[in-house]
Amino acid sequence: MTANEQPATTPSTRPIGTAEAIDAREETGLRHVASLSTELRDVVEVEQRQVRLERVVLVGVWTSGTVAEAESSLAELAALAETAGALVLDGVIQRRDKPDPATYIGSGKAKELRDIVIDTGADTVVCDGELSPSQLVRLEEFVQVKVVDRTALILDIFAQRATSREGKAQVALAQMQYMLPRLRGWGASLSRQMGGGGAGGGGMATRGPGETKIETDRRRLRDKMAKMRRDIDEMKTARDLKRQERRRNKVPSVAIAGYTNAGKSSLLNRLTGADVHVQNALFATLDPTVRRSETPAGRAYTLADTVGFVRHLPHQLVDAFRSTLEEVAEADLILHVVDGSHPDPQAQIEAVRAVVGEVGGAGVPEVVVVNKADTADPEALGRLLEAEPGAVVVSARTGEGIAALLSRIEAELPHPETEIEVLIPYSEGHLVARVHANGEILSESHGETGTLLKANVDAALAAELAAYAA
């Protein structure tokens, strides 16, 4: 332990979120975060889980904000670790101005962390941040167990949850982007070939190790990444064609975006009657689902469910899932779903908006949909509505507020600007159906020769119907 570092503090049992003062000793020590352990008490269950689960200790660096925010971030890391299949044994945070460039938490605290690892019997340390390759190596040298950062953990969850060909390819590309700078070499003994040429083994300055194993691995990984990008581009072409077809038919598009586990898929099912997989887990939906729906007035539009976001979503995932996230950027309206029962919904809203902006969707009209109203605290809900005026409160589970949301969607969708009055023969009934699906009916009556319609439609459809002008 260095001269500037204090001994480890006594583990704190203070619940997450209280705000009493922290003394100077606790400021610099490793601070235990209560209520993170997911270890089971039943011996049989423990034995069964320990066979297949990694046993992890969480560690975070608290650089800014309140202690409650730091503990909330570590609690979210615990949920991520559980989602990945790990058993959380303990969690600690350290107050620092910035992460240590060598070991993330400093060499003295790394030794203290090693003691915690030994005491708990952990086999993995999970850090609440993205560590550089050198930080990972140095911290592993201190704690003598595997070290995983937040980015690698999220990538692992995505790898477990991806089901479609496109989703698997996107996750694989993100993992390779993450791994490339973190490939580790083991010295010149792994050289694959010698430099130089000719019978004498080369001339001056040409002898010595040639391409090492680490260099070969990097080259092969880059080749795989190039092939993966080509495959994703091909799949993106098919997605673009479907999107262009919807645009050609002037069908408005609505994208459902939000924090992971906010209830986006449940809301999609409630709005469309679809049967999309719903699970109370982080990142249950990775593959986008597009469903057709109608406004109360009968106007058709599409609803796209998208991958959930999270604080510090790895940039590798944003890059790899860019073609999928374009559903958000190119939508006519974003339904930003927020978990009203979460203790810090505003932080989740900011995280989602940051990613939406990163993929080019900052200018798309947004309706904040506060979900899980049936389990939300009324006072917390009131504060959220003050911060987000115009938000719609719903419960996808009970159906509360869904009618108001449908009316809001109808009001916010772009409206066709060309007004027509046409008499369409009964033999051309498909044209009437198109006006109903893609336009706004102002009046409709039926005469002896056909259907008399007054409606607002787009310019292309108005041109097609010009021959039937009344």
Protein backbone atom coordinates (compact mmCIF):
# COMPACT_ATOMS: atom_id res chain seq x y z
CA MET A 1 0.00 0.00 0.00
CA THR A 2 1.41 3.42 -0.94
CA ALA A 3 1.97 6.23 1.54
CA ASN A 4 -0.94 8.23 0.19
CA GLU A 5 -3.46 5.44 0.44
CA GLN A 6 -5.53 4.62 3.50
CA PRO A 7 -6.26 1.18 4.90
CA ALA A 8 -9.42 -0.53 3.73
CA THR A 9 -12.54 0.70 5.45
CA THR A 10 -14.94 -1.45 7.37
CA PRO A 11 -17.60 -2.69 4.96
CA SER A 12 -20.56 -0.33 4.93
CA THR A 13 -24.03 -1.73 5.35
CA ARG A 14 -25.70 1.60 4.50
CA PRO A 15 -28.50 0.99 1.95
CA ILE A 16 -28.03 2.36 -1.55
CA GLY A 17 -29.25 5.91 -2.03
CA THR A 18 -28.95 7.48 1.45
CA ALA A 19 -27.05 10.72 1.66
CA GLU A 20 -25.21 10.99 4.97
CA ALA A 21 -21.75 12.53 4.98
CA ILE A 22 -18.73 10.44 4.07
CA ASP A 23 -15.65 10.90 6.23
CA ALA A 24 -12.19 11.41 4.74
CA ARG A 25 -11.12 7.85 5.39
CA GLU A 26 -14.11 6.48 3.49
CA GLU A 27 -13.46 8.91 0.62
CA THR A 28 -10.23 7.17 -0.39
CA GLY A 29 -10.92 3.59 0.63
CA LEU A 30 -12.81 0.85 -1.15
CA ARG A 31 -16.45 1.39 -0.22
CA HIS A 32 -18.66 -1.69 -0.07
CA VAL A 33 -22.06 -1.33 -1.71
CA ALA A 34 -24.80 -3.15 0.14
CA SER A 35 -27.48 -5.40 -1.33
CA LEU A 36 -25.56 -6.46 -4.42
CA SER A 37 -24.87 -10.08 -3.57
CA THR A 38 -26.98 -12.58 -5.46
CA GLU A 39 -25.51 -15.60 -3.69
CA LEU A 40 -28.18 -18.12 -2.78
CA ARG A 41 -28.56 -19.38 0.78
CA ASP A 42 -29.94 -22.82 -0.01
CA VAL A 43 -26.94 -25.19 -0.13
CA VAL A 44 -28.26 -27.35 -2.97
CA GLU A 45 -29.10 -24.30 -5.12
CA VAL A 46 -25.71 -22.78 -4.38
CA GLU A 47 -23.90 -25.95 -5.41
CA GLN A 48 -25.90 -26.20 -8.64
CA ARG A 49 -25.29 -22.56 -9.58
CA GLN A 50 -21.60 -22.62 -8.72
CA VAL A 51 -21.08 -25.41 -11.22
CA ARG A 52 -22.06 -23.21 -14.14
CA LEU A 53 -21.75 -19.59 -12.96
CA GLU A 54 -18.76 -17.35 -12.57
CA ARG A 55 -18.39 -15.85 -9.10
CA VAL A 56 -17.73 -12.15 -9.42
CA VAL A 57 -16.76 -9.11 -7.39
CA LEU A 58 -17.75 -5.74 -8.81
CA VAL A 59 -15.58 -2.63 -8.57
CA GLY A 60 -16.33 0.92 -9.68
CA VAL A 61 -14.54 4.26 -9.63
CA TRP A 62 -16.65 7.17 -8.45
CA THR A 63 -15.31 10.29 -10.18
CA SER A 64 -18.28 12.67 -10.11
CA GLY A 65 -21.89 13.02 -9.00
CA THR A 66 -23.39 11.80 -5.75
CA VAL A 67 -22.71 8.57 -3.91
CA ALA A 68 -26.26 7.47 -4.75
CA GLU A 69 -25.48 7.83 -8.48
CA ALA A 70 -22.25 5.85 -8.08
CA GLU A 71 -24.05 3.08 -6.22
CA SER A 72 -26.88 3.08 -8.77
CA SER A 73 -24.33 2.53 -11.54
CA LEU A 74 -22.81 -0.39 -9.65
CA ALA A 75 -26.28 -1.82 -8.99
CA GLU A 76 -26.91 -1.72 -12.73
CA LEU A 77 -23.57 -3.49 -13.27
CA ALA A 78 -24.77 -6.18 -10.85
CA ALA A 79 -27.94 -6.61 -12.91
CA LEU A 80 -25.84 -6.89 -16.06
CA ALA A 81 -23.61 -9.50 -14.42
CA GLU A 82 -26.65 -11.52 -13.36
CA THR A 83 -28.05 -11.29 -16.88
CA ALA A 84 -24.76 -12.68 -18.19
CA GLY A 85 -25.13 -15.62 -15.80
CA ALA A 86 -22.75 -14.58 -13.03
CA LEU A 87 -23.10 -14.84 -9.27
CA VAL A 88 -22.42 -11.47 -7.61
CA LEU A 89 -20.56 -11.89 -4.31
CA ASP A 90 -19.61 -8.32 -3.42
CA GLY A 91 -19.34 -4.81 -4.83
CA VAL A 92 -17.06 -1.90 -3.94
CA ILE A 93 -16.54 1.63 -5.20
CA GLN A 94 -13.59 3.98 -4.77
CA ARG A 95 -13.65 7.78 -4.76
CA ARG A 96 -11.05 9.17 -7.19
CA ASP A 97 -10.68 12.25 -9.37
CA LYS A 98 -10.13 9.92 -12.34
CA PRO A 99 -9.39 6.21 -12.87
CA ASP A 100 -5.78 5.22 -12.28
CA PRO A 101 -4.08 4.93 -15.71
CA ALA A 102 -2.19 1.81 -14.66
CA THR A 103 -4.60 -0.33 -12.62
CA TYR A 104 -7.94 1.56 -12.75
CA ILE A 105 -8.14 1.79 -8.93
CA GLY A 106 -4.47 2.24 -7.94
CA SER A 107 -1.97 -0.36 -6.83
CA GLY A 108 -2.78 -0.09 -3.11
CA LYS A 109 -6.51 -0.57 -3.67
CA ALA A 110 -5.77 -3.35 -6.15
CA LYS A 111 -4.07 -5.25 -3.31
CA GLU A 112 -7.10 -4.65 -1.10
CA LEU A 113 -9.29 -5.92 -3.92
CA ARG A 114 -7.14 -9.05 -4.05
CA ASP A 115 -7.95 -9.66 -0.35
CA ILE A 116 -11.68 -9.31 -1.10
CA VAL A 117 -11.34 -11.78 -3.98
CA ILE A 118 -9.65 -14.28 -1.68
CA ASP A 119 -12.18 -13.80 1.14
CA THR A 120 -15.20 -14.26 -1.15
CA GLY A 121 -13.75 -17.01 -3.32
CA ALA A 122 -14.42 -15.01 -6.49
CA ASP A 123 -12.93 -16.07 -9.80
CA THR A 124 -13.67 -12.85 -11.75
CA VAL A 125 -13.53 -9.10 -11.14
CA VAL A 126 -15.93 -6.93 -13.15
CA CYS A 127 -15.06 -3.23 -13.49
CA ASP A 128 -17.72 -0.55 -13.99
CA GLY A 129 -16.04 1.12 -16.97
CA GLU A 130 -14.09 0.37 -20.12
CA LEU A 131 -10.50 -0.47 -19.25
CA SER A 132 -7.54 -0.05 -21.55
CA PRO A 133 -5.55 -3.17 -22.51
CA SER A 134 -2.74 -2.19 -20.12
CA GLN A 135 -5.18 -1.59 -17.24
CA LEU A 136 -6.68 -5.04 -17.74
CA VAL A 137 -3.26 -6.73 -17.72
CA ARG A 138 -1.95 -4.83 -14.69
CA LEU A 139 -5.11 -5.30 -12.61
CA GLU A 140 -5.11 -9.03 -13.38
CA GLU A 141 -1.50 -9.21 -12.17
CA PHE A 142 -2.62 -7.78 -8.82
CA VAL A 143 -5.85 -9.68 -8.21
CA GLN A 144 -4.70 -12.96 -9.83
CA VAL A 145 -8.12 -13.69 -11.33
CA LYS A 146 -9.79 -12.80 -14.60
CA VAL A 147 -10.74 -9.12 -15.01
CA VAL A 148 -13.68 -8.11 -17.21
CA ASP A 149 -14.82 -4.56 -17.91
CA ARG A 150 -18.34 -3.25 -18.44
CA THR A 151 -17.97 -3.27 -22.23
CA ALA A 152 -16.92 -6.93 -22.38
CA LEU A 153 -19.81 -7.85 -20.07
CA ILE A 154 -22.41 -6.15 -22.28
CA LEU A 155 -20.88 -7.73 -25.38
CA ASP A 156 -21.14 -11.14 -23.72
CA ILE A 157 -24.84 -10.58 -22.97
CA PHE A 158 -25.46 -9.56 -26.57
CA ALA A 159 -23.63 -12.67 -27.80
CA GLN A 160 -25.90 -14.84 -25.63
CA ARG A 161 -29.11 -13.11 -26.74
CA ALA A 162 -28.58 -12.68 -30.50
CA THR A 163 -30.75 -15.08 -32.50
CA SER A 164 -31.02 -13.81 -36.07
CA ARG A 165 -28.21 -14.07 -38.61
CA GLU A 166 -27.88 -10.29 -38.72
CA GLY A 167 -27.88 -9.93 -34.94
CA LYS A 168 -25.20 -12.59 -34.52
CA ALA A 169 -23.04 -10.96 -37.19
CA GLN A 170 -23.39 -7.52 -35.59
CA VAL A 171 -22.43 -8.84 -32.16
CA ALA A 172 -19.50 -10.81 -33.56
CA LEU A 173 -18.18 -7.69 -35.29
CA ALA A 174 -18.50 -5.67 -32.08
CA GLN A 175 -16.62 -8.34 -30.14
CA MET A 176 -13.81 -8.40 -32.69
CA GLN A 177 -13.55 -4.59 -32.61
CA TYR A 178 -13.20 -4.82 -28.84
CA MET A 179 -10.69 -7.68 -28.94
CA LEU A 180 -8.36 -6.27 -31.59
CA PRO A 181 -6.39 -3.88 -29.36
CA ARG A 182 -6.54 -6.37 -26.45
CA LEU A 183 -4.85 -9.35 -28.08
CA ARG A 184 -1.92 -10.28 -25.88
CA GLY A 185 1.47 -11.46 -27.08
CA TRP A 186 3.86 -13.67 -25.14
CA GLY A 187 7.21 -12.42 -26.37
CA ALA A 188 9.48 -13.18 -29.30
CA SER A 189 9.29 -16.92 -28.62
CA LEU A 190 6.00 -16.96 -30.54
CA SER A 191 7.55 -15.62 -33.77
CA ARG A 192 6.16 -17.46 -36.77
CA GLN A 193 8.97 -16.84 -39.26
CA MET A 194 12.36 -15.26 -39.70
CA GLY A 195 12.98 -12.13 -41.70
CA GLY A 196 15.37 -11.76 -44.64
CA GLY A 197 15.91 -13.99 -47.64
CA GLY A 198 18.54 -15.90 -49.56
CA ALA A 199 20.77 -18.77 -48.49
CA GLY A 200 22.59 -16.65 -45.94
CA GLY A 201 19.41 -15.83 -44.13
CA GLY A 202 19.31 -12.21 -45.29
CA GLY A 203 21.61 -9.27 -45.05
CA MET A 204 22.29 -6.61 -42.47
CA ALA A 205 19.26 -5.52 -40.45
CA THR A 206 17.10 -8.24 -41.96
CA ARG A 207 17.68 -10.99 -39.41
CA GLY A 208 15.44 -11.47 -36.40
CA PRO A 209 11.86 -12.36 -35.69
CA GLY A 210 9.42 -11.82 -38.52
CA GLU A 211 5.66 -11.77 -38.07
CA THR A 212 4.93 -12.76 -34.50
CA LYS A 213 1.91 -14.76 -33.45
CA ILE A 214 0.23 -11.63 -32.06
CA GLU A 215 0.70 -9.88 -35.40
CA THR A 216 -0.66 -12.88 -37.25
CA ASP A 217 -3.69 -13.00 -34.94
CA ARG A 218 -4.35 -9.30 -35.50
CA ARG A 219 -4.10 -9.68 -39.26
CA ARG A 220 -6.50 -12.64 -39.23
CA LEU A 221 -8.90 -10.74 -36.97
CA ARG A 222 -8.87 -7.74 -39.32
CA ASP A 223 -9.60 -10.07 -42.26
CA LYS A 224 -12.56 -11.57 -40.38
CA MET A 225 -13.83 -8.09 -39.49
CA ALA A 226 -13.67 -7.00 -43.14
CA LYS A 227 -15.67 -10.08 -44.19
CA MET A 228 -18.19 -9.50 -41.38
CA ARG A 229 -18.72 -5.90 -42.48
CA ARG A 230 -19.39 -7.07 -46.05
CA ASP A 231 -21.94 -9.61 -44.76
CA ILE A 232 -23.69 -6.97 -42.64
CA ASP A 233 -23.76 -4.56 -45.60
CA GLU A 234 -25.51 -7.24 -47.68
CA MET A 235 -28.11 -7.76 -44.96
CA LYS A 236 -28.48 -3.99 -44.63
CA THR A 237 -29.39 -3.84 -48.33
CA ALA A 238 -32.38 -6.12 -47.74
CA ARG A 239 -33.48 -3.97 -44.78
CA ASP A 240 -33.13 -0.81 -46.88
CA LEU A 241 -35.30 -2.29 -49.63
CA LYS A 242 -38.10 -2.99 -47.14
CA ARG A 243 -37.77 0.54 -45.76
CA GLN A 244 -37.89 2.03 -49.27
CA GLU A 245 -41.03 0.00 -50.04
CA ARG A 246 -42.73 1.47 -46.97
CA ARG A 247 -41.67 4.96 -48.01
CA ARG A 248 -42.96 4.41 -51.53
CA ASN A 249 -46.35 3.49 -50.11
CA LYS A 250 -46.17 6.56 -47.86
CA VAL A 251 -46.66 4.51 -44.70
CA PRO A 252 -45.50 6.57 -41.68
CA SER A 253 -43.02 4.84 -39.39
CA VAL A 254 -42.84 4.92 -35.60
CA ALA A 255 -39.76 3.60 -33.74
CA ILE A 256 -39.95 2.40 -30.14
CA ALA A 257 -36.71 3.28 -28.35
CA GLY A 258 -35.73 3.30 -24.71
CA TYR A 259 -33.59 1.94 -21.94
CA THR A 260 -33.20 -1.80 -21.70
CA ASN A 261 -36.04 -3.49 -19.78
CA ALA A 262 -38.25 -0.38 -19.95
CA GLY A 263 -41.09 -2.42 -21.49
CA LYS A 264 -40.70 -1.64 -25.20
CA SER A 265 -41.70 -5.09 -26.45
CA SER A 266 -44.67 -5.19 -24.07
CA LEU A 267 -45.81 -1.84 -25.44
CA LEU A 268 -45.42 -3.08 -29.02
CA ASN A 269 -47.59 -6.09 -28.20
CA ARG A 270 -50.21 -3.87 -26.56
CA LEU A 271 -50.36 -1.43 -29.48
CA THR A 272 -50.37 -3.97 -32.30
CA GLY A 273 -51.64 -7.24 -30.82
CA ALA A 274 -48.33 -8.83 -31.82
CA ASP A 275 -46.74 -11.69 -29.90
CA VAL A 276 -43.18 -10.41 -29.57
CA HIS A 277 -41.03 -12.16 -26.96
CA VAL A 278 -41.23 -10.37 -23.60
CA GLN A 279 -38.91 -11.09 -20.68
CA ASN A 280 -38.12 -9.23 -17.48
CA ALA A 281 -34.42 -9.12 -18.30
CA LEU A 282 -31.85 -6.76 -19.72
CA PHE A 283 -31.45 -6.85 -23.51
CA ALA A 284 -34.26 -9.39 -24.06
CA THR A 285 -34.74 -7.90 -27.56
CA LEU A 286 -31.78 -7.59 -29.90
CA ASP A 287 -33.37 -8.18 -33.29
CA PRO A 288 -35.67 -5.38 -34.46
CA THR A 289 -39.32 -6.25 -35.00
CA VAL A 290 -41.51 -4.23 -37.38
CA ARG A 291 -45.31 -4.53 -37.09
CA ARG A 292 -48.18 -2.76 -38.83
CA SER A 293 -50.74 -0.83 -36.82
CA GLU A 294 -53.50 1.74 -37.31
CA THR A 295 -54.46 5.02 -35.70
CA PRO A 296 -57.96 5.32 -34.17
CA ALA A 297 -59.05 6.93 -37.46
CA GLY A 298 -57.79 3.92 -39.43
CA ARG A 299 -54.58 5.39 -40.83
CA ALA A 300 -51.84 2.75 -41.23
CA TYR A 301 -48.33 3.11 -39.81
CA THR A 302 -45.47 0.80 -38.85
CA LEU A 303 -44.08 0.24 -35.35
CA ALA A 304 -40.45 -0.89 -34.99
CA ASP A 305 -39.16 -2.35 -31.72
CA THR A 306 -35.42 -1.72 -31.30
CA VAL A 307 -32.55 -2.91 -29.12
CA GLY A 308 -32.54 -1.45 -25.63
CA PHE A 309 -29.98 1.15 -24.64
CA VAL A 310 -27.92 1.40 -21.48
CA ARG A 311 -25.58 3.90 -19.88
CA HIS A 312 -22.14 3.75 -21.49
CA LEU A 313 -23.39 1.53 -24.30
CA PRO A 314 -20.15 0.31 -25.93
CA HIS A 315 -19.32 2.31 -29.03
CA GLN A 316 -18.45 -0.98 -30.75
CA LEU A 317 -22.10 -2.01 -30.40
CA VAL A 318 -23.37 1.33 -31.65
CA ASP A 319 -21.15 0.96 -34.73
CA ALA A 320 -22.08 -2.68 -35.34
CA PHE A 321 -25.82 -2.12 -34.80
CA ARG A 322 -25.88 1.10 -36.81
CA SER A 323 -27.94 -0.48 -39.62
CA THR A 324 -30.50 -1.66 -37.05
CA LEU A 325 -30.54 1.66 -35.19
CA GLU A 326 -31.26 3.43 -38.45
CA GLU A 327 -34.88 2.39 -37.85
CA VAL A 328 -34.82 5.05 -35.11
CA ALA A 329 -32.95 7.69 -37.12
CA GLU A 330 -35.23 7.38 -40.17
CA ALA A 331 -38.56 7.14 -38.33
CA ASP A 332 -41.24 9.81 -38.52
CA LEU A 333 -41.78 9.57 -34.76
CA ILE A 334 -39.90 8.09 -31.79
CA LEU A 335 -41.78 6.63 -28.85
CA HIS A 336 -39.20 7.02 -26.08
CA VAL A 337 -40.25 4.43 -23.49
CA VAL A 338 -39.19 5.13 -19.90
CA ASP A 339 -39.47 2.82 -16.90
CA GLY A 340 -41.56 4.91 -14.51
CA SER A 341 -40.74 2.59 -11.60
CA HIS A 342 -36.97 3.01 -11.95
CA PRO A 343 -35.25 5.00 -9.16
CA ASP A 344 -33.41 7.26 -11.66
CA PRO A 345 -35.45 7.50 -14.88
CA GLN A 346 -33.97 10.87 -15.86
CA ALA A 347 -30.47 9.37 -16.15
CA GLN A 348 -31.91 6.65 -18.39
CA ILE A 349 -33.62 9.27 -20.58
CA GLU A 350 -30.33 11.12 -21.04
CA ALA A 351 -28.49 7.90 -21.92
CA VAL A 352 -31.08 7.01 -24.58
CA ARG A 353 -31.06 10.48 -26.11
CA ALA A 354 -27.27 10.37 -26.32
CA VAL A 355 -27.34 7.17 -28.39
CA VAL A 356 -30.24 8.38 -30.54
CA GLY A 357 -28.23 11.50 -31.31
CA GLU A 358 -25.17 9.41 -32.10
CA VAL A 359 -27.03 7.50 -34.82
CA GLY A 360 -28.52 10.64 -36.35
CA GLY A 361 -31.98 10.63 -34.78
CA ALA A 362 -31.74 13.84 -32.74
CA GLY A 363 -34.09 15.73 -35.08
CA VAL A 364 -36.86 13.12 -35.12
CA PRO A 365 -40.02 14.15 -33.17
CA GLU A 366 -40.20 12.35 -29.82
CA VAL A 367 -43.01 11.36 -27.48
CA VAL A 368 -41.87 10.29 -24.01
CA VAL A 369 -43.93 7.30 -22.87
CA VAL A 370 -43.68 6.63 -19.14
CA ASN A 371 -44.39 2.91 -18.79
CA LYS A 372 -45.11 0.74 -15.72
CA ALA A 373 -47.46 3.34 -14.26
CA ASP A 374 -49.13 0.59 -12.22
CA THR A 375 -45.94 0.04 -10.18
CA ALA A 376 -44.46 3.58 -10.19
CA ASP A 377 -44.28 5.74 -7.07
CA PRO A 378 -46.80 8.61 -7.54
CA GLU A 379 -44.42 11.26 -6.17
CA ALA A 380 -41.54 10.09 -8.38
CA LEU A 381 -43.95 9.99 -11.32
CA GLY A 382 -44.97 13.56 -10.64
CA ARG A 383 -41.35 14.73 -10.60
CA LEU A 384 -40.68 12.95 -13.89
CA LEU A 385 -43.71 14.58 -15.54
CA GLU A 386 -42.48 17.97 -14.38
CA ALA A 387 -39.12 17.30 -16.02
CA GLU A 388 -40.74 15.88 -19.18
CA PRO A 389 -43.88 17.95 -19.90
CA GLY A 390 -46.05 16.35 -22.54
CA ALA A 391 -45.10 12.80 -21.57
CA VAL A 392 -47.82 10.14 -21.78
CA VAL A 393 -48.23 7.81 -18.78
CA VAL A 394 -49.17 4.21 -19.61
CA SER A 395 -49.02 0.66 -18.36
CA ALA A 396 -48.38 -1.85 -21.11
CA ARG A 397 -49.35 -4.59 -18.67
CA THR A 398 -52.80 -3.28 -17.67
CA GLY A 399 -53.61 -1.11 -20.71
CA GLU A 400 -53.82 2.11 -18.70
CA GLY A 401 -53.21 5.18 -20.88
CA ILE A 402 -53.00 3.27 -24.16
CA ALA A 403 -56.00 5.09 -25.70
CA ALA A 404 -54.37 8.45 -24.92
CA LEU A 405 -51.11 7.26 -26.45
CA LEU A 406 -52.83 6.14 -29.66
CA SER A 407 -54.46 9.56 -29.98
CA ARG A 408 -51.09 11.21 -29.41
CA ILE A 409 -49.45 9.06 -32.10
CA GLU A 410 -52.18 10.06 -34.55
CA ALA A 411 -51.63 13.74 -33.76
CA GLU A 412 -47.84 13.57 -34.03
CA LEU A 413 -47.55 11.59 -37.29
CA PRO A 414 -46.87 13.67 -40.40
CA HIS A 415 -50.11 14.64 -42.14
CA PRO A 416 -50.66 14.45 -45.92
CA GLU A 417 -51.09 17.93 -47.33
CA THR A 418 -53.08 17.51 -50.57
CA GLU A 419 -56.85 17.73 -50.19
CA ILE A 420 -58.93 15.80 -52.74
CA GLU A 421 -62.61 15.26 -53.45
CA VAL A 422 -63.17 12.24 -55.69
CA LEU A 423 -65.92 9.89 -56.81
CA ILE A 424 -64.38 6.43 -57.06
CA PRO A 425 -66.37 3.72 -58.92
CA TYR A 426 -67.26 0.67 -56.90
CA SER A 427 -65.15 -1.39 -59.33
CA GLU A 428 -62.06 0.49 -58.08
CA GLY A 429 -62.53 -0.36 -54.42
CA HIS A 430 -58.79 -0.88 -53.93
CA LEU A 431 -58.29 2.86 -54.38
CA VAL A 432 -60.73 3.58 -51.56
CA ALA A 433 -58.75 1.17 -49.37
CA ARG A 434 -55.52 3.03 -50.20
CA VAL A 435 -57.03 6.37 -49.25
CA HIS A 436 -58.17 4.88 -45.94
CA ALA A 437 -54.75 3.33 -45.27
CA ASN A 438 -52.51 6.19 -46.33
CA GLY A 439 -54.66 9.31 -46.06
CA GLU A 440 -56.95 11.14 -43.69
CA ILE A 441 -60.66 10.81 -44.40
CA LEU A 442 -62.58 14.06 -44.01
CA SER A 443 -65.93 12.75 -45.25
CA GLU A 444 -67.25 9.66 -47.04
CA SER A 445 -70.59 8.83 -48.64
CA HIS A 446 -71.90 6.21 -51.05
CA GLY A 447 -73.91 7.03 -54.17
CA GLU A 448 -75.35 5.06 -57.07
CA THR A 449 -72.10 4.96 -59.07
CA GLY A 450 -69.39 4.94 -56.44
CA THR A 451 -67.86 6.24 -53.22
CA LEU A 452 -67.59 9.99 -52.74
CA LEU A 453 -64.48 10.79 -50.71
CA LYS A 454 -63.08 13.99 -49.32
CA ALA A 455 -59.64 13.37 -47.85
CA ASN A 456 -56.08 14.56 -47.37
CA VAL A 457 -53.53 12.40 -49.18
CA ASP A 458 -49.93 12.68 -50.37
CA ALA A 459 -49.14 14.24 -53.73
CA ALA A 460 -48.40 10.91 -55.47
CA LEU A 461 -51.76 9.38 -54.53
CA ALA A 462 -53.56 12.63 -55.40
CA ALA A 463 -52.09 12.45 -58.91
CA GLU A 464 -53.36 8.87 -59.32
CA LEU A 465 -56.86 9.89 -58.24
CA ALA A 466 -57.02 13.05 -60.35
CA ALA A 467 -59.08 11.24 -63.02
CA TYR A 468 -61.87 10.67 -60.48
CA ALA A 469 -62.19 14.28 -59.33
CA ALA A 470 -65.78 15.05 -58.33
